[in-house]
Amino acid sequence: MRKLISTGSPFEKTAGYSRAVVQGDWCFVSGTTGYDYATMTMPDSVEDQTRNCLKTITKALEDGGFALADVVRAHYYITSDSFVDRVFPILGEAFGEIRPAATMIVCQLNKPEMKIEIEVTALRRSS
């Protein structure tokens, strides 16, 4: 059974995607940027954007019946290599015990204010 998860972001409807898709024991969370979806504002710092990404991802996982601890794969996209050492401690707080397979890529994102985008894949753990 397939379940679509939405944050209510206007981007989801405009671009035709779901924040997350649950298919069986898998949850695929779309690339998530640092917007605060309650206020539709983007903080300036990459650290605050990273925290917002993780908050949005955690809620999407929970809405699908998953936990952050279920994450098995993470992709991090940052717009400057100078952000690496600034986001590593935040990512370590979130994923330090979980230790998913991960990749970090330096690239351009869709809007100039976006400094990081995170996408994850989760597999429901056996009880």
PDB file of N, CA and C in Angstrom:
ATOM      1  N   MET A   1       0.846  -1.185   0.000  1.00  0.00           N
ATOM      2  CA  MET A   1       0.000   0.000   0.000  1.00  0.00           C
ATOM      3  C   MET A   1       0.888   1.244   0.000  1.00  0.00           C
ATOM      4  N   ARG A   2       0.534   2.192  -0.812  1.00  0.00           N
ATOM      5  CA  ARG A   2       1.313   3.419  -0.946  1.00  0.00           C
ATOM      6  C   ARG A   2       0.627   4.549  -0.186  1.00  0.00           C
ATOM      7  N   LYS A   3       1.415   5.298   0.583  1.00  0.00           N
ATOM      8  CA  LYS A   3       0.893   6.430   1.335  1.00  0.00           C
ATOM      9  C   LYS A   3       1.731   7.652   0.997  1.00  0.00           C
ATOM     10  N   LEU A   4       1.058   8.760   0.666  1.00  0.00           N
ATOM     11  CA  LEU A   4       1.741  10.009   0.350  1.00  0.00           C
ATOM     12  C   LEU A   4       1.695  10.932   1.553  1.00  0.00           C
ATOM     13  N   ILE A   5       2.841  11.514   1.898  1.00  0.00           N
ATOM     14  CA  ILE A   5       2.968  12.420   3.042  1.00  0.00           C
ATOM     15  C   ILE A   5       3.224  13.823   2.502  1.00  0.00           C
ATOM     16  N   SER A   6       2.523  14.816   3.055  1.00  0.00           N
ATOM     17  CA  SER A   6       2.691  16.203   2.632  1.00  0.00           C
ATOM     18  C   SER A   6       2.957  17.089   3.842  1.00  0.00           C
ATOM     19  N   THR A   7       3.752  18.143   3.624  1.00  0.00           N
ATOM     20  CA  THR A   7       3.936  19.148   4.670  1.00  0.00           C
ATOM     21  C   THR A   7       2.965  20.302   4.476  1.00  0.00           C
ATOM     22  N   GLY A   8       2.266  20.294   3.352  1.00  0.00           N
ATOM     23  CA  GLY A   8       1.392  21.422   3.034  1.00  0.00           C
ATOM     24  C   GLY A   8       2.145  22.539   2.322  1.00  0.00           C
ATOM     25  N   SER A   9       3.401  22.308   2.006  1.00  0.00           N
ATOM     26  CA  SER A   9       4.199  23.300   1.306  1.00  0.00           C
ATOM     27  C   SER A   9       3.597  23.572  -0.071  1.00  0.00           C
ATOM     28  N   PRO A  10       3.565  24.841  -0.485  1.00  0.00           N
ATOM     29  CA  PRO A  10       3.038  25.141  -1.820  1.00  0.00           C
ATOM     30  C   PRO A  10       3.902  24.524  -2.926  1.00  0.00           C
ATOM     31  N   PHE A  11       5.168  24.260  -2.647  1.00  0.00           N
ATOM     32  CA  PHE A  11       6.064  23.677  -3.654  1.00  0.00           C
ATOM     33  C   PHE A  11       5.616  22.271  -4.037  1.00  0.00           C
ATOM     34  N   GLU A  12       5.071  21.532  -3.082  1.00  0.00           N
ATOM     35  CA  GLU A  12       4.658  20.154  -3.361  1.00  0.00           C
ATOM     36  C   GLU A  12       3.577  20.119  -4.442  1.00  0.00           C
ATOM     37  N   LYS A  13       2.599  20.979  -4.314  1.00  0.00           N
ATOM     38  CA  LYS A  13       1.511  21.009  -5.301  1.00  0.00           C
ATOM     39  C   LYS A  13       2.009  21.554  -6.641  1.00  0.00           C
ATOM     40  N   THR A  14       2.754  22.658  -6.594  1.00  0.00           N
ATOM     41  CA  THR A  14       3.234  23.288  -7.824  1.00  0.00           C
ATOM     42  C   THR A  14       4.128  22.351  -8.635  1.00  0.00           C
ATOM     43  N   ALA A  15       5.061  21.679  -7.952  1.00  0.00           N
ATOM     44  CA  ALA A  15       6.024  20.821  -8.652  1.00  0.00           C
ATOM     45  C   ALA A  15       5.554  19.371  -8.770  1.00  0.00           C
ATOM     46  N   GLY A  16       4.437  19.032  -8.108  1.00  0.00           N
ATOM     47  CA  GLY A  16       3.870  17.699  -8.237  1.00  0.00           C
ATOM     48  C   GLY A  16       4.667  16.605  -7.561  1.00  0.00           C
ATOM     49  N   TYR A  17       4.963  16.805  -6.290  1.00  0.00           N
ATOM     50  CA  TYR A  17       5.675  15.767  -5.550  1.00  0.00           C
ATOM     51  C   TYR A  17       5.138  15.673  -4.124  1.00  0.00           C
ATOM     52  N   SER A  18       5.513  14.602  -3.444  1.00  0.00           N
ATOM     53  CA  SER A  18       5.166  14.412  -2.030  1.00  0.00           C
ATOM     54  C   SER A  18       6.408  14.629  -1.188  1.00  0.00           C
ATOM     55  N   ARG A  19       6.218  15.106   0.024  1.00  0.00           N
ATOM     56  CA  ARG A  19       7.355  15.220   0.944  1.00  0.00           C
ATOM     57  C   ARG A  19       7.958  13.847   1.176  1.00  0.00           C
ATOM     58  N   ALA A  20       7.084  12.851   1.301  1.00  0.00           N
ATOM     59  CA  ALA A  20       7.566  11.480   1.479  1.00  0.00           C
ATOM     60  C   ALA A  20       6.551  10.521   0.866  1.00  0.00           C
ATOM     61  N   VAL A  21       7.055   9.368   0.479  1.00  0.00           N
ATOM     62  CA  VAL A  21       6.214   8.290  -0.024  1.00  0.00           C
ATOM     63  C   VAL A  21       6.550   7.041   0.773  1.00  0.00           C
ATOM     64  N   VAL A  22       5.503   6.445   1.364  1.00  0.00           N
ATOM     65  CA  VAL A  22       5.666   5.185   2.086  1.00  0.00           C
ATOM     66  C   VAL A  22       5.182   4.070   1.177  1.00  0.00           C
ATOM     67  N   GLN A  23       6.015   3.079   0.996  1.00  0.00           N
ATOM     68  CA  GLN A  23       5.671   1.899   0.209  1.00  0.00           C
ATOM     69  C   GLN A  23       6.114   0.688   1.021  1.00  0.00           C
ATOM     70  N   GLY A  24       5.163   0.004   1.617  1.00  0.00           N
ATOM     71  CA  GLY A  24       5.497  -1.148   2.457  1.00  0.00           C
ATOM     72  C   GLY A  24       6.332  -0.729   3.650  1.00  0.00           C
ATOM     73  N   ASP A  25       7.482  -1.362   3.808  1.00  0.00           N
ATOM     74  CA  ASP A  25       8.372  -1.052   4.927  1.00  0.00           C
ATOM     75  C   ASP A  25       9.376   0.048   4.598  1.00  0.00           C
ATOM     76  N   TRP A  26       9.216   0.683   3.453  1.00  0.00           N
ATOM     77  CA  TRP A  26      10.137   1.734   3.021  1.00  0.00           C
ATOM     78  C   TRP A  26       9.477   3.102   3.086  1.00  0.00           C
ATOM     79  N   CYS A  27      10.288   4.115   3.406  1.00  0.00           N
ATOM     80  CA  CYS A  27       9.836   5.507   3.345  1.00  0.00           C
ATOM     81  C   CYS A  27      10.917   6.300   2.615  1.00  0.00           C
ATOM     82  N   PHE A  28      10.508   6.971   1.534  1.00  0.00           N
ATOM     83  CA  PHE A  28      11.405   7.777   0.713  1.00  0.00           C
ATOM     84  C   PHE A  28      11.048   9.243   0.946  1.00  0.00           C
ATOM     85  N   VAL A  29      11.962   9.986   1.557  1.00  0.00           N
ATOM     86  CA  VAL A  29      11.702  11.398   1.847  1.00  0.00           C
ATOM     87  C   VAL A  29      12.391  12.247   0.788  1.00  0.00           C
ATOM     88  N   SER A  30      11.614  13.120   0.152  1.00  0.00           N
ATOM     89  CA  SER A  30      12.143  14.005  -0.885  1.00  0.00           C
ATOM     90  C   SER A  30      13.228  14.911  -0.342  1.00  0.00           C
ATOM     91  N   GLY A  31      14.021  15.446  -1.268  1.00  0.00           N
ATOM     92  CA  GLY A  31      14.989  16.464  -0.876  1.00  0.00           C
ATOM     93  C   GLY A  31      14.273  17.581  -0.140  1.00  0.00           C
ATOM     94  N   THR A  32      14.800  17.915   1.026  1.00  0.00           N
ATOM     95  CA  THR A  32      14.148  18.865   1.927  1.00  0.00           C
ATOM     96  C   THR A  32      15.105  20.013   2.221  1.00  0.00           C
ATOM     97  N   THR A  33      14.672  21.225   1.928  1.00  0.00           N
ATOM     98  CA  THR A  33      15.509  22.397   2.200  1.00  0.00           C
ATOM     99  C   THR A  33      15.144  22.992   3.552  1.00  0.00           C
ATOM    100  N   GLY A  34      15.819  24.074   3.902  1.00  0.00           N
ATOM    101  CA  GLY A  34      15.733  24.622   5.247  1.00  0.00           C
ATOM    102  C   GLY A  34      14.586  25.547   5.547  1.00  0.00           C
ATOM    103  N   TYR A  35      13.535  25.533   4.738  1.00  0.00           N
ATOM    104  CA  TYR A  35      12.385  26.381   5.037  1.00  0.00           C
ATOM    105  C   TYR A  35      11.749  26.008   6.366  1.00  0.00           C
ATOM    106  N   ASP A  36      11.258  27.025   7.051  1.00  0.00           N
ATOM    107  CA  ASP A  36      10.357  26.809   8.179  1.00  0.00           C
ATOM    108  C   ASP A  36       8.975  26.850   7.543  1.00  0.00           C
ATOM    109  N   TYR A  37       8.349  25.685   7.393  1.00  0.00           N
ATOM    110  CA  TYR A  37       7.095  25.613   6.650  1.00  0.00           C
ATOM    111  C   TYR A  37       5.924  26.246   7.395  1.00  0.00           C
ATOM    112  N   ALA A  38       6.060  26.471   8.694  1.00  0.00           N
ATOM    113  CA  ALA A  38       5.001  27.150   9.438  1.00  0.00           C
ATOM    114  C   ALA A  38       4.921  28.627   9.027  1.00  0.00           C
ATOM    115  N   THR A  39       6.083  29.225   8.754  1.00  0.00           N
ATOM    116  CA  THR A  39       6.123  30.649   8.414  1.00  0.00           C
ATOM    117  C   THR A  39       6.532  30.897   6.960  1.00  0.00           C
ATOM    118  N   MET A  40       6.928  29.820   6.255  1.00  0.00           N
ATOM    119  CA  MET A  40       7.446  29.907   4.876  1.00  0.00           C
ATOM    120  C   MET A  40       8.596  30.903   4.780  1.00  0.00           C
ATOM    121  N   THR A  41       9.476  30.840   5.785  1.00  0.00           N
ATOM    122  CA  THR A  41      10.678  31.670   5.773  1.00  0.00           C
ATOM    123  C   THR A  41      11.899  30.760   5.743  1.00  0.00           C
ATOM    124  N   MET A  42      12.988  31.294   5.216  1.00  0.00           N
ATOM    125  CA  MET A  42      14.246  30.575   5.133  1.00  0.00           C
ATOM    126  C   MET A  42      15.267  31.297   6.009  1.00  0.00           C
ATOM    127  N   PRO A  43      15.783  30.643   7.044  1.00  0.00           N
ATOM    128  CA  PRO A  43      16.810  31.301   7.844  1.00  0.00           C
ATOM    129  C   PRO A  43      18.070  31.513   7.017  1.00  0.00           C
ATOM    130  N   ASP A  44      18.900  32.439   7.438  1.00  0.00           N
ATOM    131  CA  ASP A  44      20.104  32.760   6.688  1.00  0.00           C
ATOM    132  C   ASP A  44      21.225  31.743   6.903  1.00  0.00           C
ATOM    133  N   SER A  45      21.381  31.250   8.115  1.00  0.00           N
ATOM    134  CA  SER A  45      22.543  30.399   8.398  1.00  0.00           C
ATOM    135  C   SER A  45      22.322  28.957   7.942  1.00  0.00           C
ATOM    136  N   VAL A  46      23.397  28.342   7.477  1.00  0.00           N
ATOM    137  CA  VAL A  46      23.325  26.942   7.063  1.00  0.00           C
ATOM    138  C   VAL A  46      23.022  26.041   8.252  1.00  0.00           C
ATOM    139  N   GLU A  47      23.451  26.450   9.433  1.00  0.00           N
ATOM    140  CA  GLU A  47      23.158  25.656  10.631  1.00  0.00           C
ATOM    141  C   GLU A  47      21.658  25.621  10.909  1.00  0.00           C
ATOM    142  N   ASP A  48      21.004  26.785  10.863  1.00  0.00           N
ATOM    143  CA  ASP A  48      19.556  26.831  11.100  1.00  0.00           C
ATOM    144  C   ASP A  48      18.795  26.127   9.975  1.00  0.00           C
ATOM    145  N   GLN A  49      19.276  26.261   8.750  1.00  0.00           N
ATOM    146  CA  GLN A  49      18.635  25.556   7.644  1.00  0.00           C
ATOM    147  C   GLN A  49      18.750  24.043   7.839  1.00  0.00           C
ATOM    148  N   THR A  50      19.900  23.578   8.302  1.00  0.00           N
ATOM    149  CA  THR A  50      20.088  22.146   8.547  1.00  0.00           C
ATOM    150  C   THR A  50      19.120  21.655   9.613  1.00  0.00           C
ATOM    151  N   ARG A  51      18.985  22.406  10.688  1.00  0.00           N
ATOM    152  CA  ARG A  51      18.043  22.024  11.760  1.00  0.00           C
ATOM    153  C   ARG A  51      16.605  21.977  11.231  1.00  0.00           C
ATOM    154  N   ASN A  52      16.234  22.939  10.392  1.00  0.00           N
ATOM    155  CA  ASN A  52      14.885  22.929   9.809  1.00  0.00           C
ATOM    156  C   ASN A  52      14.693  21.724   8.899  1.00  0.00           C
ATOM    157  N   CYS A  53      15.700  21.404   8.088  1.00  0.00           N
ATOM    158  CA  CYS A  53      15.612  20.210   7.231  1.00  0.00           C
ATOM    159  C   CYS A  53      15.320  18.982   8.084  1.00  0.00           C
ATOM    160  N   LEU A  54      16.095  18.810   9.143  1.00  0.00           N
ATOM    161  CA  LEU A  54      15.958  17.626   9.991  1.00  0.00           C
ATOM    162  C   LEU A  54      14.606  17.596  10.701  1.00  0.00           C
ATOM    163  N   LYS A  55      14.110  18.758  11.102  1.00  0.00           N
ATOM    164  CA  LYS A  55      12.797  18.834  11.749  1.00  0.00           C
ATOM    165  C   LYS A  55      11.696  18.415  10.768  1.00  0.00           C
ATOM    166  N   THR A  56      11.757  18.921   9.548  1.00  0.00           N
ATOM    167  CA  THR A  56      10.759  18.578   8.523  1.00  0.00           C
ATOM    168  C   THR A  56      10.839  17.092   8.179  1.00  0.00           C
ATOM    169  N   ILE A  57      12.044  16.577   8.029  1.00  0.00           N
ATOM    170  CA  ILE A  57      12.240  15.164   7.700  1.00  0.00           C
ATOM    171  C   ILE A  57      11.721  14.276   8.821  1.00  0.00           C
ATOM    172  N   THR A  58      12.037  14.624  10.052  1.00  0.00           N
ATOM    173  CA  THR A  58      11.580  13.829  11.203  1.00  0.00           C
ATOM    174  C   THR A  58      10.066  13.769  11.249  1.00  0.00           C
ATOM    175  N   LYS A  59       9.413  14.915  11.022  1.00  0.00           N
ATOM    176  CA  LYS A  59       7.944  14.932  11.042  1.00  0.00           C
ATOM    177  C   LYS A  59       7.366  14.095   9.902  1.00  0.00           C
ATOM    178  N   ALA A  60       7.951  14.187   8.709  1.00  0.00           N
ATOM    179  CA  ALA A  60       7.466  13.395   7.574  1.00  0.00           C
ATOM    180  C   ALA A  60       7.607  11.906   7.877  1.00  0.00           C
ATOM    181  N   LEU A  61       8.735  11.517   8.441  1.00  0.00           N
ATOM    182  CA  LEU A  61       8.931  10.113   8.817  1.00  0.00           C
ATOM    183  C   LEU A  61       7.883   9.678   9.830  1.00  0.00           C
ATOM    184  N   GLU A  62       7.690  10.487  10.865  1.00  0.00           N
ATOM    185  CA  GLU A  62       6.707  10.155  11.909  1.00  0.00           C
ATOM    186  C   GLU A  62       5.300  10.069  11.328  1.00  0.00           C
ATOM    187  N   ASP A  63       4.958  10.979  10.423  1.00  0.00           N
ATOM    188  CA  ASP A  63       3.632  10.950   9.790  1.00  0.00           C
ATOM    189  C   ASP A  63       3.428   9.656   9.000  1.00  0.00           C
ATOM    190  N   GLY A  64       4.529   9.078   8.537  1.00  0.00           N
ATOM    191  CA  GLY A  64       4.456   7.825   7.793  1.00  0.00           C
ATOM    192  C   GLY A  64       4.615   6.587   8.660  1.00  0.00           C
ATOM    193  N   GLY A  65       4.757   6.783   9.973  1.00  0.00           N
ATOM    194  CA  GLY A  65       4.912   5.646  10.885  1.00  0.00           C
ATOM    195  C   GLY A  65       6.347   5.178  11.061  1.00  0.00           C
ATOM    196  N   PHE A  66       7.303   6.065  10.789  1.00  0.00           N
ATOM    197  CA  PHE A  66       8.722   5.750  10.902  1.00  0.00           C
ATOM    198  C   PHE A  66       9.364   6.662  11.938  1.00  0.00           C
ATOM    199  N   ALA A  67      10.609   6.353  12.264  1.00  0.00           N
ATOM    200  CA  ALA A  67      11.400   7.187  13.162  1.00  0.00           C
ATOM    201  C   ALA A  67      12.703   7.537  12.458  1.00  0.00           C
ATOM    202  N   LEU A  68      13.363   8.571  12.935  1.00  0.00           N
ATOM    203  CA  LEU A  68      14.653   8.939  12.374  1.00  0.00           C
ATOM    204  C   LEU A  68      15.624   7.760  12.447  1.00  0.00           C
ATOM    205  N   ALA A  69      15.500   6.942  13.472  1.00  0.00           N
ATOM    206  CA  ALA A  69      16.366   5.775  13.631  1.00  0.00           C
ATOM    207  C   ALA A  69      16.192   4.741  12.523  1.00  0.00           C
ATOM    208  N   ASP A  70      15.123   4.854  11.736  1.00  0.00           N
ATOM    209  CA  ASP A  70      14.893   3.938  10.613  1.00  0.00           C
ATOM    210  C   ASP A  70      15.678   4.336   9.352  1.00  0.00           C
ATOM    211  N   VAL A  71      16.302   5.504   9.358  1.00  0.00           N
ATOM    212  CA  VAL A  71      16.998   5.993   8.163  1.00  0.00           C
ATOM    213  C   VAL A  71      18.204   5.103   7.866  1.00  0.00           C
ATOM    214  N   VAL A  72      18.259   4.627   6.610  1.00  0.00           N
ATOM    215  CA  VAL A  72      19.370   3.778   6.178  1.00  0.00           C
ATOM    216  C   VAL A  72      20.251   4.469   5.142  1.00  0.00           C
ATOM    217  N   ARG A  73      19.745   5.542   4.526  1.00  0.00           N
ATOM    218  CA  ARG A  73      20.501   6.246   3.492  1.00  0.00           C
ATOM    219  C   ARG A  73      20.202   7.725   3.585  1.00  0.00           C
ATOM    220  N   ALA A  74      21.242   8.559   3.484  1.00  0.00           N
ATOM    221  CA  ALA A  74      21.071  10.012   3.510  1.00  0.00           C
ATOM    222  C   ALA A  74      21.930  10.641   2.420  1.00  0.00           C
ATOM    223  N   HIS A  75      21.356  11.628   1.734  1.00  0.00           N
ATOM    224  CA  HIS A  75      22.089  12.436   0.759  1.00  0.00           C
ATOM    225  C   HIS A  75      22.037  13.877   1.250  1.00  0.00           C
ATOM    226  N   TYR A  76      23.186  14.508   1.320  1.00  0.00           N
ATOM    227  CA  TYR A  76      23.297  15.902   1.740  1.00  0.00           C
ATOM    228  C   TYR A  76      23.835  16.702   0.559  1.00  0.00           C
ATOM    229  N   TYR A  77      23.151  17.782   0.218  1.00  0.00           N
ATOM    230  CA  TYR A  77      23.580  18.663  -0.857  1.00  0.00           C
ATOM    231  C   TYR A  77      23.837  20.031  -0.241  1.00  0.00           C
ATOM    232  N   ILE A  78      25.062  20.541  -0.363  1.00  0.00           N
ATOM    233  CA  ILE A  78      25.405  21.851   0.188  1.00  0.00           C
ATOM    234  C   ILE A  78      25.948  22.729  -0.938  1.00  0.00           C
ATOM    235  N   THR A  79      25.798  24.039  -0.772  1.00  0.00           N
ATOM    236  CA  THR A  79      26.180  24.947  -1.853  1.00  0.00           C
ATOM    237  C   THR A  79      27.605  25.475  -1.723  1.00  0.00           C
ATOM    238  N   SER A  80      28.301  25.135  -0.650  1.00  0.00           N
ATOM    239  CA  SER A  80      29.691  25.572  -0.478  1.00  0.00           C
ATOM    240  C   SER A  80      30.439  24.546   0.365  1.00  0.00           C
ATOM    241  N   ASP A  81      31.668  24.255  -0.026  1.00  0.00           N
ATOM    242  CA  ASP A  81      32.458  23.323   0.783  1.00  0.00           C
ATOM    243  C   ASP A  81      32.797  23.912   2.150  1.00  0.00           C
ATOM    244  N   SER A  82      32.652  25.216   2.296  1.00  0.00           N
ATOM    245  CA  SER A  82      32.897  25.840   3.604  1.00  0.00           C
ATOM    246  C   SER A  82      31.821  25.463   4.630  1.00  0.00           C
ATOM    247  N   PHE A  83      30.720  24.873   4.178  1.00  0.00           N
ATOM    248  CA  PHE A  83      29.641  24.476   5.090  1.00  0.00           C
ATOM    249  C   PHE A  83      29.878  23.109   5.731  1.00  0.00           C
ATOM    250  N   VAL A  84      30.801  22.327   5.187  1.00  0.00           N
ATOM    251  CA  VAL A  84      30.997  20.956   5.656  1.00  0.00           C
ATOM    252  C   VAL A  84      31.202  20.912   7.168  1.00  0.00           C
ATOM    253  N   ASP A  85      32.195  21.622   7.656  1.00  0.00           N
ATOM    254  CA  ASP A  85      32.506  21.573   9.086  1.00  0.00           C
ATOM    255  C   ASP A  85      31.436  22.244   9.952  1.00  0.00           C
ATOM    256  N   ARG A  86      30.590  23.047   9.343  1.00  0.00           N
ATOM    257  CA  ARG A  86      29.519  23.707  10.088  1.00  0.00           C
ATOM    258  C   ARG A  86      28.305  22.797  10.253  1.00  0.00           C
ATOM    259  N   VAL A  87      28.049  21.923   9.278  1.00  0.00           N
ATOM    260  CA  VAL A  87      26.871  21.053   9.371  1.00  0.00           C
ATOM    261  C   VAL A  87      27.192  19.672   9.951  1.00  0.00           C
ATOM    262  N   PHE A  88      28.446  19.231   9.857  1.00  0.00           N
ATOM    263  CA  PHE A  88      28.791  17.908  10.387  1.00  0.00           C
ATOM    264  C   PHE A  88      28.355  17.711  11.836  1.00  0.00           C
ATOM    265  N   PRO A  89      28.599  18.657  12.752  1.00  0.00           N
ATOM    266  CA  PRO A  89      28.171  18.425  14.144  1.00  0.00           C
ATOM    267  C   PRO A  89      26.651  18.284  14.288  1.00  0.00           C
ATOM    268  N   ILE A  90      25.900  19.026  13.487  1.00  0.00           N
ATOM    269  CA  ILE A  90      24.432  18.954  13.558  1.00  0.00           C
ATOM    270  C   ILE A  90      23.958  17.607  13.013  1.00  0.00           C
ATOM    271  N   LEU A  91      24.541  17.190  11.901  1.00  0.00           N
ATOM    272  CA  LEU A  91      24.200  15.882  11.339  1.00  0.00           C
ATOM    273  C   LEU A  91      24.622  14.768  12.290  1.00  0.00           C
ATOM    274  N   GLY A  92      25.753  14.947  12.945  1.00  0.00           N
ATOM    275  CA  GLY A  92      26.220  13.968  13.920  1.00  0.00           C
ATOM    276  C   GLY A  92      25.285  13.829  15.106  1.00  0.00           C
ATOM    277  N   GLU A  93      24.712  14.956  15.538  1.00  0.00           N
ATOM    278  CA  GLU A  93      23.720  14.900  16.630  1.00  0.00           C
ATOM    279  C   GLU A  93      22.516  14.072  16.216  1.00  0.00           C
ATOM    280  N   ALA A  94      22.065  14.272  14.994  1.00  0.00           N
ATOM    281  CA  ALA A  94      20.860  13.573  14.515  1.00  0.00           C
ATOM    282  C   ALA A  94      21.134  12.119  14.151  1.00  0.00           C
ATOM    283  N   PHE A  95      22.264  11.868  13.494  1.00  0.00           N
ATOM    284  CA  PHE A  95      22.508  10.540  12.921  1.00  0.00           C
ATOM    285  C   PHE A  95      23.686   9.788  13.547  1.00  0.00           C
ATOM    286  N   GLY A  96      24.311  10.351  14.573  1.00  0.00           N
ATOM    287  CA  GLY A  96      25.517   9.754  15.151  1.00  0.00           C
ATOM    288  C   GLY A  96      25.368   8.311  15.584  1.00  0.00           C
ATOM    289  N   GLU A  97      24.250   7.963  16.183  1.00  0.00           N
ATOM    290  CA  GLU A  97      24.014   6.579  16.625  1.00  0.00           C
ATOM    291  C   GLU A  97      23.368   5.742  15.528  1.00  0.00           C
ATOM    292  N   ILE A  98      22.714   6.392  14.585  1.00  0.00           N
ATOM    293  CA  ILE A  98      21.992   5.696  13.520  1.00  0.00           C
ATOM    294  C   ILE A  98      22.967   5.273  12.419  1.00  0.00           C
ATOM    295  N   ARG A  99      23.859   6.187  12.065  1.00  0.00           N
ATOM    296  CA  ARG A  99      24.925   5.974  11.087  1.00  0.00           C
ATOM    297  C   ARG A  99      24.457   5.400   9.752  1.00  0.00           C
ATOM    298  N   PRO A 100      23.549   6.114   9.059  1.00  0.00           N
ATOM    299  CA  PRO A 100      23.116   5.646   7.736  1.00  0.00           C
ATOM    300  C   PRO A 100      24.255   5.768   6.734  1.00  0.00           C
ATOM    301  N   ALA A 101      24.148   5.041   5.646  1.00  0.00           N
ATOM    302  CA  ALA A 101      25.047   5.268   4.515  1.00  0.00           C
ATOM    303  C   ALA A 101      24.751   6.679   4.019  1.00  0.00           C
ATOM    304  N   ALA A 102      25.796   7.461   3.733  1.00  0.00           N
ATOM    305  CA  ALA A 102      25.565   8.872   3.421  1.00  0.00           C
ATOM    306  C   ALA A 102      26.521   9.369   2.344  1.00  0.00           C
ATOM    307  N   THR A 103      26.048  10.385   1.628  1.00  0.00           N
ATOM    308  CA  THR A 103      26.844  11.071   0.620  1.00  0.00           C
ATOM    309  C   THR A 103      26.611  12.563   0.778  1.00  0.00           C
ATOM    310  N   MET A 104      27.684  13.358   0.665  1.00  0.00           N
ATOM    311  CA  MET A 104      27.554  14.815   0.665  1.00  0.00           C
ATOM    312  C   MET A 104      28.120  15.334  -0.643  1.00  0.00           C
ATOM    313  N   ILE A 105      27.337  16.195  -1.290  1.00  0.00           N
ATOM    314  CA  ILE A 105      27.724  16.756  -2.581  1.00  0.00           C
ATOM    315  C   ILE A 105      27.659  18.279  -2.497  1.00  0.00           C
ATOM    316  N   VAL A 106      28.663  18.948  -3.047  1.00  0.00           N
ATOM    317  CA  VAL A 106      28.638  20.407  -3.164  1.00  0.00           C
ATOM    318  C   VAL A 106      28.064  20.728  -4.542  1.00  0.00           C
ATOM    319  N   CYS A 107      26.998  21.538  -4.556  1.00  0.00           N
ATOM    320  CA  CYS A 107      26.311  21.821  -5.815  1.00  0.00           C
ATOM    321  C   CYS A 107      25.500  23.105  -5.690  1.00  0.00           C
ATOM    322  N   GLN A 108      24.874  23.488  -6.757  1.00  0.00           N
ATOM    323  CA  GLN A 108      23.940  24.609  -6.754  1.00  0.00           C
ATOM    324  C   GLN A 108      22.554  24.064  -6.451  1.00  0.00           C
ATOM    325  N   LEU A 109      21.770  24.794  -5.665  1.00  0.00           N
ATOM    326  CA  LEU A 109      20.394  24.401  -5.386  1.00  0.00           C
ATOM    327  C   LEU A 109      19.430  25.326  -6.135  1.00  0.00           C
ATOM    328  N   ASN A 110      18.126  25.067  -6.013  1.00  0.00           N
ATOM    329  CA  ASN A 110      17.116  25.750  -6.833  1.00  0.00           C
ATOM    330  C   ASN A 110      17.007  27.255  -6.626  1.00  0.00           C
ATOM    331  N   LYS A 111      17.220  27.710  -5.402  1.00  0.00           N
ATOM    332  CA  LYS A 111      17.099  29.137  -5.081  1.00  0.00           C
ATOM    333  C   LYS A 111      18.383  29.581  -4.385  1.00  0.00           C
ATOM    334  N   PRO A 112      18.803  30.820  -4.592  1.00  0.00           N
ATOM    335  CA  PRO A 112      20.075  31.274  -4.011  1.00  0.00           C
ATOM    336  C   PRO A 112      20.112  31.259  -2.475  1.00  0.00           C
ATOM    337  N   GLU A 113      18.956  31.389  -1.833  1.00  0.00           N
ATOM    338  CA  GLU A 113      18.932  31.385  -0.369  1.00  0.00           C
ATOM    339  C   GLU A 113      19.082  29.981   0.224  1.00  0.00           C
ATOM    340  N   MET A 114      18.909  28.962  -0.591  1.00  0.00           N
ATOM    341  CA  MET A 114      19.041  27.576  -0.127  1.00  0.00           C
ATOM    342  C   MET A 114      20.512  27.209  -0.018  1.00  0.00           C
ATOM    343  N   LYS A 115      20.913  26.742   1.172  1.00  0.00           N
ATOM    344  CA  LYS A 115      22.310  26.386   1.402  1.00  0.00           C
ATOM    345  C   LYS A 115      22.513  24.890   1.600  1.00  0.00           C
ATOM    346  N   ILE A 116      21.439  24.179   1.954  1.00  0.00           N
ATOM    347  CA  ILE A 116      21.521  22.739   2.152  1.00  0.00           C
ATOM    348  C   ILE A 116      20.195  22.102   1.770  1.00  0.00           C
ATOM    349  N   GLU A 117      20.270  20.894   1.271  1.00  0.00           N
ATOM    350  CA  GLU A 117      19.092  20.073   1.008  1.00  0.00           C
ATOM    351  C   GLU A 117      19.445  18.656   1.451  1.00  0.00           C
ATOM    352  N   ILE A 118      18.501  18.013   2.120  1.00  0.00           N
ATOM    353  CA  ILE A 118      18.735  16.666   2.641  1.00  0.00           C
ATOM    354  C   ILE A 118      17.607  15.758   2.179  1.00  0.00           C
ATOM    355  N   GLU A 119      17.950  14.568   1.706  1.00  0.00           N
ATOM    356  CA  GLU A 119      16.944  13.550   1.405  1.00  0.00           C
ATOM    357  C   GLU A 119      17.362  12.262   2.095  1.00  0.00           C
ATOM    358  N   VAL A 120      16.373  11.500   2.544  1.00  0.00           N
ATOM    359  CA  VAL A 120      16.674  10.249   3.240  1.00  0.00           C
ATOM    360  C   VAL A 120      15.750   9.134   2.765  1.00  0.00           C
ATOM    361  N   THR A 121      16.228   7.912   2.983  1.00  0.00           N
ATOM    362  CA  THR A 121      15.443   6.717   2.763  1.00  0.00           C
ATOM    363  C   THR A 121      15.455   5.929   4.074  1.00  0.00           C
ATOM    364  N   ALA A 122      14.271   5.462   4.467  1.00  0.00           N
ATOM    365  CA  ALA A 122      14.159   4.717   5.725  1.00  0.00           C
ATOM    366  C   ALA A 122      13.554   3.341   5.462  1.00  0.00           C
ATOM    367  N   LEU A 123      14.001   2.384   6.232  1.00  0.00           N
ATOM    368  CA  LEU A 123      13.471   1.020   6.209  1.00  0.00           C
ATOM    369  C   LEU A 123      12.995   0.691   7.615  1.00  0.00           C
ATOM    370  N   ARG A 124      11.723   0.338   7.719  1.00  0.00           N
ATOM    371  CA  ARG A 124      11.140   0.045   9.030  1.00  0.00           C
ATOM    372  C   ARG A 124      11.911  -1.107   9.682  1.00  0.00           C
ATOM    373  N   ARG A 125      12.346  -0.871  10.908  1.00  0.00           N
ATOM    374  CA  ARG A 125      13.079  -1.900  11.657  1.00  0.00           C
ATOM    375  C   ARG A 125      12.114  -2.949  12.165  1.00  0.00           C
ATOM    376  N   SER A 126      12.600  -4.188  12.245  1.00  0.00           N
ATOM    377  CA  SER A 126      11.785  -5.250  12.834  1.00  0.00           C
ATOM    378  C   SER A 126      11.690  -5.015  14.334  1.00  0.00           C
ATOM    379  N   SER A 127      10.570  -5.368  14.904  1.00  0.00           N
ATOM    380  CA  SER A 127      10.388  -5.171  16.343  1.00  0.00           C
ATOM    381  C   SER A 127      11.168  -6.198  17.120  1.00  0.00           C
TER     382      SER A 127
END
